[in-house]
Amino acid sequence: MQDQGPGPFLTKPDTPATPTQAAPPTPAHSAPADSDPIDRLNRALQRISFALDKSRKAEQRKSGNTQELVANVDALISRVRDALAHADRPEDK
């Protein structure tokens, strides 16, 4: 993933667009001349950290949902067994 910001304005936000005000487009892969490589690296590491944290949280939610589902299935099995045992009693027939 490349270090990309929101992008430069081609015109000033408060003025109408005219051909004389338009700036030449900058390629997405080129960095501004005043961009510090350390700052770019820091932003890249922050994005990586955010992505890892997001995936860990998603995995924890998935794990939590799995545990909750297993508990619900166990409770359902127990209720079905109780209902079957109650239906097999001779005094209920």
PDB file of N, CA and C in Angstrom:
ATOM      1  N   MET A   1       0.845  -1.166   0.000  1.00  0.00           N
ATOM      2  CA  MET A   1       0.000   0.000   0.000  1.00  0.00           C
ATOM      3  C   MET A   1       0.886   1.224   0.000  1.00  0.00           C
ATOM      4  N   GLN A   2       0.538   2.173  -0.811  1.00  0.00           N
ATOM      5  CA  GLN A   2       1.358   3.363  -0.925  1.00  0.00           C
ATOM      6  C   GLN A   2       0.877   4.421   0.047  1.00  0.00           C
ATOM      7  N   ASP A   3       1.777   5.318   0.397  1.00  0.00           N
ATOM      8  CA  ASP A   3       1.454   6.418   1.288  1.00  0.00           C
ATOM      9  C   ASP A   3       0.695   7.468   0.492  1.00  0.00           C
ATOM     10  N   GLN A   4      -0.611   7.525   0.691  1.00  0.00           N
ATOM     11  CA  GLN A   4      -1.426   8.460  -0.062  1.00  0.00           C
ATOM     12  C   GLN A   4      -2.267   9.283   0.891  1.00  0.00           C
ATOM     13  N   GLY A   5      -2.308  10.552   0.667  1.00  0.00           N
ATOM     14  CA  GLY A   5      -3.148  11.444   1.438  1.00  0.00           C
ATOM     15  C   GLY A   5      -4.447  11.680   0.697  1.00  0.00           C
ATOM     16  N   PRO A   6      -5.218  12.659   1.142  1.00  0.00           N
ATOM     17  CA  PRO A   6      -6.480  12.934   0.479  1.00  0.00           C
ATOM     18  C   PRO A   6      -6.309  13.516  -0.910  1.00  0.00           C
ATOM     19  N   GLY A   7      -5.103  13.951  -1.248  1.00  0.00           N
ATOM     20  CA  GLY A   7      -4.833  14.468  -2.583  1.00  0.00           C
ATOM     21  C   GLY A   7      -4.876  15.981  -2.602  1.00  0.00           C
ATOM     22  N   PRO A   8      -4.111  16.594  -3.482  1.00  0.00           N
ATOM     23  CA  PRO A   8      -4.083  18.056  -3.541  1.00  0.00           C
ATOM     24  C   PRO A   8      -5.311  18.590  -4.260  1.00  0.00           C
ATOM     25  N   PHE A   9      -5.722  19.802  -3.876  1.00  0.00           N
ATOM     26  CA  PHE A   9      -6.795  20.472  -4.590  1.00  0.00           C
ATOM     27  C   PHE A   9      -6.237  20.996  -5.901  1.00  0.00           C
ATOM     28  N   LEU A  10      -7.001  20.856  -6.959  1.00  0.00           N
ATOM     29  CA  LEU A  10      -6.569  21.417  -8.230  1.00  0.00           C
ATOM     30  C   LEU A  10      -6.809  22.920  -8.257  1.00  0.00           C
ATOM     31  N   THR A  11      -7.822  23.357  -7.533  1.00  0.00           N
ATOM     32  CA  THR A  11      -8.115  24.783  -7.425  1.00  0.00           C
ATOM     33  C   THR A  11      -8.335  25.118  -5.973  1.00  0.00           C
ATOM     34  N   LYS A  12      -8.360  26.393  -5.682  1.00  0.00           N
ATOM     35  CA  LYS A  12      -8.683  26.809  -4.320  1.00  0.00           C
ATOM     36  C   LYS A  12     -10.154  26.511  -4.086  1.00  0.00           C
ATOM     37  N   PRO A  13     -10.540  26.050  -2.879  1.00  0.00           N
ATOM     38  CA  PRO A  13     -11.933  25.666  -2.640  1.00  0.00           C
ATOM     39  C   PRO A  13     -12.923  26.810  -2.822  1.00  0.00           C
ATOM     40  N   ASP A  14     -12.511  28.075  -2.625  1.00  0.00           N
ATOM     41  CA  ASP A  14     -13.458  29.178  -2.677  1.00  0.00           C
ATOM     42  C   ASP A  14     -13.490  29.883  -4.034  1.00  0.00           C
ATOM     43  N   THR A  15     -12.764  29.385  -5.018  1.00  0.00           N
ATOM     44  CA  THR A  15     -12.742  30.026  -6.331  1.00  0.00           C
ATOM     45  C   THR A  15     -13.215  29.055  -7.392  1.00  0.00           C
ATOM     46  N   PRO A  16     -13.818  29.571  -8.475  1.00  0.00           N
ATOM     47  CA  PRO A  16     -14.261  28.667  -9.545  1.00  0.00           C
ATOM     48  C   PRO A  16     -13.067  28.089 -10.290  1.00  0.00           C
ATOM     49  N   ALA A  17     -13.270  26.936 -10.856  1.00  0.00           N
ATOM     50  CA  ALA A  17     -12.189  26.258 -11.576  1.00  0.00           C
ATOM     51  C   ALA A  17     -12.008  26.879 -12.950  1.00  0.00           C
ATOM     52  N   THR A  18     -10.793  27.242 -13.244  1.00  0.00           N
ATOM     53  CA  THR A  18     -10.446  27.737 -14.572  1.00  0.00           C
ATOM     54  C   THR A  18      -9.159  27.056 -14.988  1.00  0.00           C
ATOM     55  N   PRO A  19      -8.883  26.960 -16.279  1.00  0.00           N
ATOM     56  CA  PRO A  19      -7.665  26.277 -16.715  1.00  0.00           C
ATOM     57  C   PRO A  19      -6.385  26.920 -16.194  1.00  0.00           C
ATOM     58  N   THR A  20      -6.385  28.225 -15.935  1.00  0.00           N
ATOM     59  CA  THR A  20      -5.163  28.875 -15.464  1.00  0.00           C
ATOM     60  C   THR A  20      -4.868  28.546 -14.006  1.00  0.00           C
ATOM     61  N   GLN A  21      -5.885  28.142 -13.235  1.00  0.00           N
ATOM     62  CA  GLN A  21      -5.686  27.847 -11.820  1.00  0.00           C
ATOM     63  C   GLN A  21      -5.361  26.380 -11.573  1.00  0.00           C
ATOM     64  N   ALA A  22      -5.567  25.535 -12.538  1.00  0.00           N
ATOM     65  CA  ALA A  22      -5.372  24.100 -12.336  1.00  0.00           C
ATOM     66  C   ALA A  22      -3.886  23.787 -12.250  1.00  0.00           C
ATOM     67  N   ALA A  23      -3.548  22.948 -11.294  1.00  0.00           N
ATOM     68  CA  ALA A  23      -2.162  22.514 -11.135  1.00  0.00           C
ATOM     69  C   ALA A  23      -1.981  21.202 -11.878  1.00  0.00           C
ATOM     70  N   PRO A  24      -0.788  20.895 -12.322  1.00  0.00           N
ATOM     71  CA  PRO A  24      -0.588  19.608 -12.987  1.00  0.00           C
ATOM     72  C   PRO A  24      -0.802  18.473 -11.996  1.00  0.00           C
ATOM     73  N   PRO A  25      -1.453  17.400 -12.419  1.00  0.00           N
ATOM     74  CA  PRO A  25      -1.695  16.286 -11.495  1.00  0.00           C
ATOM     75  C   PRO A  25      -0.384  15.637 -11.084  1.00  0.00           C
ATOM     76  N   THR A  26      -0.340  15.241  -9.816  1.00  0.00           N
ATOM     77  CA  THR A  26       0.847  14.541  -9.323  1.00  0.00           C
ATOM     78  C   THR A  26       0.557  13.059  -9.302  1.00  0.00           C
ATOM     79  N   PRO A  27       1.476  12.235  -9.737  1.00  0.00           N
ATOM     80  CA  PRO A  27       1.260  10.792  -9.706  1.00  0.00           C
ATOM     81  C   PRO A  27       1.087  10.305  -8.266  1.00  0.00           C
ATOM     82  N   ALA A  28       0.294   9.256  -8.093  1.00  0.00           N
ATOM     83  CA  ALA A  28       0.025   8.726  -6.759  1.00  0.00           C
ATOM     84  C   ALA A  28       1.270   8.123  -6.125  1.00  0.00           C
ATOM     85  N   HIS A  29       2.212   7.650  -6.936  1.00  0.00           N
ATOM     86  CA  HIS A  29       3.383   6.984  -6.384  1.00  0.00           C
ATOM     87  C   HIS A  29       4.483   7.948  -5.981  1.00  0.00           C
ATOM     88  N   SER A  30       4.404   9.214  -6.413  1.00  0.00           N
ATOM     89  CA  SER A  30       5.465  10.153  -6.050  1.00  0.00           C
ATOM     90  C   SER A  30       5.098  10.873  -4.763  1.00  0.00           C
ATOM     91  N   ALA A  31       6.082  11.104  -3.918  1.00  0.00           N
ATOM     92  CA  ALA A  31       5.879  11.791  -2.653  1.00  0.00           C
ATOM     93  C   ALA A  31       6.252  13.251  -2.826  1.00  0.00           C
ATOM     94  N   PRO A  32       5.618  14.141  -2.065  1.00  0.00           N
ATOM     95  CA  PRO A  32       6.013  15.542  -2.127  1.00  0.00           C
ATOM     96  C   PRO A  32       7.481  15.695  -1.750  1.00  0.00           C
ATOM     97  N   ALA A  33       8.121  16.724  -2.285  1.00  0.00           N
ATOM     98  CA  ALA A  33       9.553  16.921  -2.054  1.00  0.00           C
ATOM     99  C   ALA A  33       9.859  17.193  -0.591  1.00  0.00           C
ATOM    100  N   ASP A  34       8.906  17.803   0.145  1.00  0.00           N
ATOM    101  CA  ASP A  34       9.175  18.130   1.541  1.00  0.00           C
ATOM    102  C   ASP A  34       8.774  17.010   2.500  1.00  0.00           C
ATOM    103  N   SER A  35       8.325  15.867   2.001  1.00  0.00           N
ATOM    104  CA  SER A  35       7.919  14.751   2.853  1.00  0.00           C
ATOM    105  C   SER A  35       9.153  14.063   3.432  1.00  0.00           C
ATOM    106  N   ASP A  36       9.150  13.920   4.731  1.00  0.00           N
ATOM    107  CA  ASP A  36      10.270  13.287   5.430  1.00  0.00           C
ATOM    108  C   ASP A  36      10.099  11.770   5.369  1.00  0.00           C
ATOM    109  N   PRO A  37      11.114  11.030   4.961  1.00  0.00           N
ATOM    110  CA  PRO A  37      11.001   9.567   4.905  1.00  0.00           C
ATOM    111  C   PRO A  37      10.663   8.953   6.262  1.00  0.00           C
ATOM    112  N   ILE A  38      11.146   9.553   7.327  1.00  0.00           N
ATOM    113  CA  ILE A  38      10.836   9.026   8.667  1.00  0.00           C
ATOM    114  C   ILE A  38       9.353   9.191   8.962  1.00  0.00           C
ATOM    115  N   ASP A  39       8.769  10.331   8.580  1.00  0.00           N
ATOM    116  CA  ASP A  39       7.337  10.532   8.776  1.00  0.00           C
ATOM    117  C   ASP A  39       6.523   9.542   7.951  1.00  0.00           C
ATOM    118  N   ARG A  40       6.947   9.318   6.713  1.00  0.00           N
ATOM    119  CA  ARG A  40       6.247   8.355   5.863  1.00  0.00           C
ATOM    120  C   ARG A  40       6.319   6.956   6.454  1.00  0.00           C
ATOM    121  N   LEU A  41       7.491   6.573   6.950  1.00  0.00           N
ATOM    122  CA  LEU A  41       7.652   5.264   7.569  1.00  0.00           C
ATOM    123  C   LEU A  41       6.785   5.152   8.816  1.00  0.00           C
ATOM    124  N   ASN A  42       6.745   6.211   9.605  1.00  0.00           N
ATOM    125  CA  ASN A  42       5.926   6.212  10.815  1.00  0.00           C
ATOM    126  C   ASN A  42       4.446   6.045  10.465  1.00  0.00           C
ATOM    127  N   ARG A  43       3.972   6.760   9.440  1.00  0.00           N
ATOM    128  CA  ARG A  43       2.572   6.613   9.027  1.00  0.00           C
ATOM    129  C   ARG A  43       2.296   5.202   8.519  1.00  0.00           C
ATOM    130  N   ALA A  44       3.236   4.636   7.784  1.00  0.00           N
ATOM    131  CA  ALA A  44       3.061   3.266   7.281  1.00  0.00           C
ATOM    132  C   ALA A  44       2.985   2.273   8.436  1.00  0.00           C
ATOM    133  N   LEU A  45       3.848   2.445   9.430  1.00  0.00           N
ATOM    134  CA  LEU A  45       3.814   1.553  10.594  1.00  0.00           C
ATOM    135  C   LEU A  45       2.516   1.715  11.378  1.00  0.00           C
ATOM    136  N   GLN A  46       2.002   2.930  11.452  1.00  0.00           N
ATOM    137  CA  GLN A  46       0.724   3.147  12.131  1.00  0.00           C
ATOM    138  C   GLN A  46      -0.411   2.449  11.390  1.00  0.00           C
ATOM    139  N   ARG A  47      -0.389   2.504  10.052  1.00  0.00           N
ATOM    140  CA  ARG A  47      -1.422   1.805   9.280  1.00  0.00           C
ATOM    141  C   ARG A  47      -1.336   0.299   9.484  1.00  0.00           C
ATOM    142  N   ILE A  48      -0.117  -0.231   9.517  1.00  0.00           N
ATOM    143  CA  ILE A  48       0.067  -1.668   9.737  1.00  0.00           C
ATOM    144  C   ILE A  48      -0.434  -2.048  11.125  1.00  0.00           C
ATOM    145  N   SER A  49      -0.089  -1.249  12.123  1.00  0.00           N
ATOM    146  CA  SER A  49      -0.528  -1.508  13.491  1.00  0.00           C
ATOM    147  C   SER A  49      -2.049  -1.481  13.587  1.00  0.00           C
ATOM    148  N   PHE A  50      -2.676  -0.507  12.928  1.00  0.00           N
ATOM    149  CA  PHE A  50      -4.128  -0.410  12.940  1.00  0.00           C
ATOM    150  C   PHE A  50      -4.762  -1.637  12.293  1.00  0.00           C
ATOM    151  N   ALA A  51      -4.219  -2.070  11.173  1.00  0.00           N
ATOM    152  CA  ALA A  51      -4.761  -3.244  10.478  1.00  0.00           C
ATOM    153  C   ALA A  51      -4.621  -4.502  11.331  1.00  0.00           C
ATOM    154  N   LEU A  52      -3.473  -4.666  11.990  1.00  0.00           N
ATOM    155  CA  LEU A  52      -3.281  -5.832  12.855  1.00  0.00           C
ATOM    156  C   LEU A  52      -4.236  -5.802  14.037  1.00  0.00           C
ATOM    157  N   ASP A  53      -4.405  -4.630  14.640  1.00  0.00           N
ATOM    158  CA  ASP A  53      -5.307  -4.497  15.778  1.00  0.00           C
ATOM    159  C   ASP A  53      -6.741  -4.793  15.358  1.00  0.00           C
ATOM    160  N   LYS A  54      -7.120  -4.306  14.188  1.00  0.00           N
ATOM    161  CA  LYS A  54      -8.468  -4.552  13.678  1.00  0.00           C
ATOM    162  C   LYS A  54      -8.702  -6.045  13.443  1.00  0.00           C
ATOM    163  N   SER A  55      -7.709  -6.733  12.880  1.00  0.00           N
ATOM    164  CA  SER A  55      -7.877  -8.165  12.622  1.00  0.00           C
ATOM    165  C   SER A  55      -7.897  -8.959  13.925  1.00  0.00           C
ATOM    166  N   ARG A  56      -7.114  -8.525  14.915  1.00  0.00           N
ATOM    167  CA  ARG A  56      -7.152  -9.206  16.222  1.00  0.00           C
ATOM    168  C   ARG A  56      -8.514  -9.053  16.880  1.00  0.00           C
ATOM    169  N   LYS A  57      -9.075  -7.854  16.817  1.00  0.00           N
ATOM    170  CA  LYS A  57     -10.392  -7.628  17.410  1.00  0.00           C
ATOM    171  C   LYS A  57     -11.453  -8.455  16.698  1.00  0.00           C
ATOM    172  N   ALA A  58     -11.362  -8.549  15.388  1.00  0.00           N
ATOM    173  CA  ALA A  58     -12.317  -9.358  14.626  1.00  0.00           C
ATOM    174  C   ALA A  58     -12.192 -10.826  15.008  1.00  0.00           C
ATOM    175  N   GLU A  59     -10.965 -11.296  15.198  1.00  0.00           N
ATOM    176  CA  GLU A  59     -10.745 -12.692  15.601  1.00  0.00           C
ATOM    177  C   GLU A  59     -11.306 -12.947  16.998  1.00  0.00           C
ATOM    178  N   GLN A  60     -11.145 -11.980  17.904  1.00  0.00           N
ATOM    179  CA  GLN A  60     -11.682 -12.130  19.255  1.00  0.00           C
ATOM    180  C   GLN A  60     -13.204 -12.175  19.225  1.00  0.00           C
ATOM    181  N   ARG A  61     -13.821 -11.314  18.392  1.00  0.00           N
ATOM    182  CA  ARG A  61     -15.283 -11.347  18.281  1.00  0.00           C
ATOM    183  C   ARG A  61     -15.735 -12.687  17.727  1.00  0.00           C
ATOM    184  N   LYS A  62     -15.009 -13.184  16.735  1.00  0.00           N
ATOM    185  CA  LYS A  62     -15.357 -14.471  16.137  1.00  0.00           C
ATOM    186  C   LYS A  62     -15.227 -15.575  17.170  1.00  0.00           C
ATOM    187  N   SER A  63     -14.155 -15.539  17.954  1.00  0.00           N
ATOM    188  CA  SER A  63     -13.937 -16.538  18.993  1.00  0.00           C
ATOM    189  C   SER A  63     -15.035 -16.454  20.046  1.00  0.00           C
ATOM    190  N   GLY A  64     -15.392 -15.231  20.436  1.00  0.00           N
ATOM    191  CA  GLY A  64     -16.459 -15.039  21.418  1.00  0.00           C
ATOM    192  C   GLY A  64     -17.782 -15.552  20.900  1.00  0.00           C
ATOM    193  N   ASN A  65     -18.075 -15.311  19.630  1.00  0.00           N
ATOM    194  CA  ASN A  65     -19.311 -15.792  19.028  1.00  0.00           C
ATOM    195  C   ASN A  65     -19.323 -17.310  18.972  1.00  0.00           C
ATOM    196  N   THR A  66     -18.181 -17.925  18.701  1.00  0.00           N
ATOM    197  CA  THR A  66     -18.092 -19.381  18.647  1.00  0.00           C
ATOM    198  C   THR A  66     -18.360 -19.980  20.018  1.00  0.00           C
ATOM    199  N   GLN A  67     -17.769 -19.397  21.047  1.00  0.00           N
ATOM    200  CA  GLN A  67     -17.985 -19.906  22.399  1.00  0.00           C
ATOM    201  C   GLN A  67     -19.446 -19.757  22.809  1.00  0.00           C
ATOM    202  N   GLU A  68     -20.052 -18.638  22.459  1.00  0.00           N
ATOM    203  CA  GLU A  68     -21.461 -18.425  22.775  1.00  0.00           C
ATOM    204  C   GLU A  68     -22.337 -19.423  22.026  1.00  0.00           C
ATOM    205  N   LEU A  69     -22.013 -19.684  20.781  1.00  0.00           N
ATOM    206  CA  LEU A  69     -22.771 -20.639  19.980  1.00  0.00           C
ATOM    207  C   LEU A  69     -22.661 -22.048  20.560  1.00  0.00           C
ATOM    208  N   VAL A  70     -21.457 -22.446  20.970  1.00  0.00           N
ATOM    209  CA  VAL A  70     -21.256 -23.767  21.569  1.00  0.00           C
ATOM    210  C   VAL A  70     -22.073 -23.892  22.852  1.00  0.00           C
ATOM    211  N   ALA A  71     -22.077 -22.850  23.667  1.00  0.00           N
ATOM    212  CA  ALA A  71     -22.855 -22.880  24.907  1.00  0.00           C
ATOM    213  C   ALA A  71     -24.348 -23.005  24.612  1.00  0.00           C
ATOM    214  N   ASN A  72     -24.833 -22.288  23.607  1.00  0.00           N
ATOM    215  CA  ASN A  72     -26.250 -22.372  23.245  1.00  0.00           C
ATOM    216  C   ASN A  72     -26.610 -23.752  22.707  1.00  0.00           C
ATOM    217  N   VAL A  73     -25.732 -24.348  21.911  1.00  0.00           N
ATOM    218  CA  VAL A  73     -25.989 -25.694  21.386  1.00  0.00           C
ATOM    219  C   VAL A  73     -26.007 -26.708  22.528  1.00  0.00           C
ATOM    220  N   ASP A  74     -25.079 -26.580  23.476  1.00  0.00           N
ATOM    221  CA  ASP A  74     -25.074 -27.480  24.635  1.00  0.00           C
ATOM    222  C   ASP A  74     -26.370 -27.361  25.431  1.00  0.00           C
ATOM    223  N   ALA A  75     -26.842 -26.146  25.633  1.00  0.00           N
ATOM    224  CA  ALA A  75     -28.097 -25.947  26.362  1.00  0.00           C
ATOM    225  C   ALA A  75     -29.267 -26.547  25.593  1.00  0.00           C
ATOM    226  N   LEU A  76     -29.265 -26.398  24.281  1.00  0.00           N
ATOM    227  CA  LEU A  76     -30.329 -26.966  23.458  1.00  0.00           C
ATOM    228  C   LEU A  76     -30.317 -28.489  23.521  1.00  0.00           C
ATOM    229  N   ILE A  77     -29.132 -29.089  23.459  1.00  0.00           N
ATOM    230  CA  ILE A  77     -29.016 -30.552  23.565  1.00  0.00           C
ATOM    231  C   ILE A  77     -29.567 -31.025  24.900  1.00  0.00           C
ATOM    232  N   SER A  78     -29.236 -30.318  25.955  1.00  0.00           N
ATOM    233  CA  SER A  78     -29.726 -30.687  27.283  1.00  0.00           C
ATOM    234  C   SER A  78     -31.249 -30.600  27.353  1.00  0.00           C
ATOM    235  N   ARG A  79     -31.825 -29.555  26.781  1.00  0.00           N
ATOM    236  CA  ARG A  79     -33.281 -29.408  26.800  1.00  0.00           C
ATOM    237  C   ARG A  79     -33.964 -30.500  25.981  1.00  0.00           C
ATOM    238  N   VAL A  80     -33.372 -30.861  24.835  1.00  0.00           N
ATOM    239  CA  VAL A  80     -33.950 -31.924  24.005  1.00  0.00           C
ATOM    240  C   VAL A  80     -33.884 -33.256  24.741  1.00  0.00           C
ATOM    241  N   ARG A  81     -32.756 -33.536  25.400  1.00  0.00           N
ATOM    242  CA  ARG A  81     -32.636 -34.783  26.169  1.00  0.00           C
ATOM    243  C   ARG A  81     -33.668 -34.833  27.289  1.00  0.00           C
ATOM    244  N   ASP A  82     -33.843 -33.707  27.989  1.00  0.00           N
ATOM    245  CA  ASP A  82     -34.847 -33.663  29.061  1.00  0.00           C
ATOM    246  C   ASP A  82     -36.249 -33.888  28.510  1.00  0.00           C
ATOM    247  N   ALA A  83     -36.540 -33.290  27.358  1.00  0.00           N
ATOM    248  CA  ALA A  83     -37.862 -33.460  26.758  1.00  0.00           C
ATOM    249  C   ALA A  83     -38.074 -34.902  26.316  1.00  0.00           C
ATOM    250  N   LEU A  84     -37.040 -35.530  25.741  1.00  0.00           N
ATOM    251  CA  LEU A  84     -37.164 -36.932  25.327  1.00  0.00           C
ATOM    252  C   LEU A  84     -37.304 -37.851  26.532  1.00  0.00           C
ATOM    253  N   ALA A  85     -36.562 -37.574  27.581  1.00  0.00           N
ATOM    254  CA  ALA A  85     -36.668 -38.395  28.791  1.00  0.00           C
ATOM    255  C   ALA A  85     -38.052 -38.248  29.414  1.00  0.00           C
ATOM    256  N   HIS A  86     -38.590 -37.037  29.379  1.00  0.00           N
ATOM    257  CA  HIS A  86     -39.924 -36.800  29.933  1.00  0.00           C
ATOM    258  C   HIS A  86     -40.991 -37.489  29.080  1.00  0.00           C
ATOM    259  N   ALA A  87     -40.807 -37.546  27.771  1.00  0.00           N
ATOM    260  CA  ALA A  87     -41.770 -38.178  26.870  1.00  0.00           C
ATOM    261  C   ALA A  87     -41.729 -39.695  26.984  1.00  0.00           C
ATOM    262  N   ASP A  88     -40.612 -40.287  27.401  1.00  0.00           N
ATOM    263  CA  ASP A  88     -40.486 -41.736  27.513  1.00  0.00           C
ATOM    264  C   ASP A  88     -41.060 -42.290  28.807  1.00  0.00           C
ATOM    265  N   ARG A  89     -41.436 -41.445  29.744  1.00  0.00           N
ATOM    266  CA  ARG A  89     -41.981 -41.941  31.013  1.00  0.00           C
ATOM    267  C   ARG A  89     -43.352 -42.583  30.781  1.00  0.00           C
ATOM    268  N   PRO A  90     -43.582 -43.743  31.382  1.00  0.00           N
ATOM    269  CA  PRO A  90     -44.860 -44.445  31.165  1.00  0.00           C
ATOM    270  C   PRO A  90     -46.055 -43.708  31.763  1.00  0.00           C
ATOM    271  N   GLU A  91     -45.872 -42.936  32.848  1.00  0.00           N
ATOM    272  CA  GLU A  91     -47.014 -42.271  33.480  1.00  0.00           C
ATOM    273  C   GLU A  91     -47.576 -41.129  32.643  1.00  0.00           C
ATOM    274  N   ASP A  92     -46.816 -40.654  31.675  1.00  0.00           N
ATOM    275  CA  ASP A  92     -47.297 -39.565  30.831  1.00  0.00           C
ATOM    276  C   ASP A  92     -48.123 -40.080  29.653  1.00  0.00           C
ATOM    277  N   LYS A  93     -48.101 -41.383  29.409  1.00  0.00           N
ATOM    278  CA  LYS A  93     -48.794 -41.935  28.239  1.00  0.00           C
ATOM    279  C   LYS A  93     -50.213 -42.282  28.562  1.00  0.00           C
TER     280      LYS A  93
END
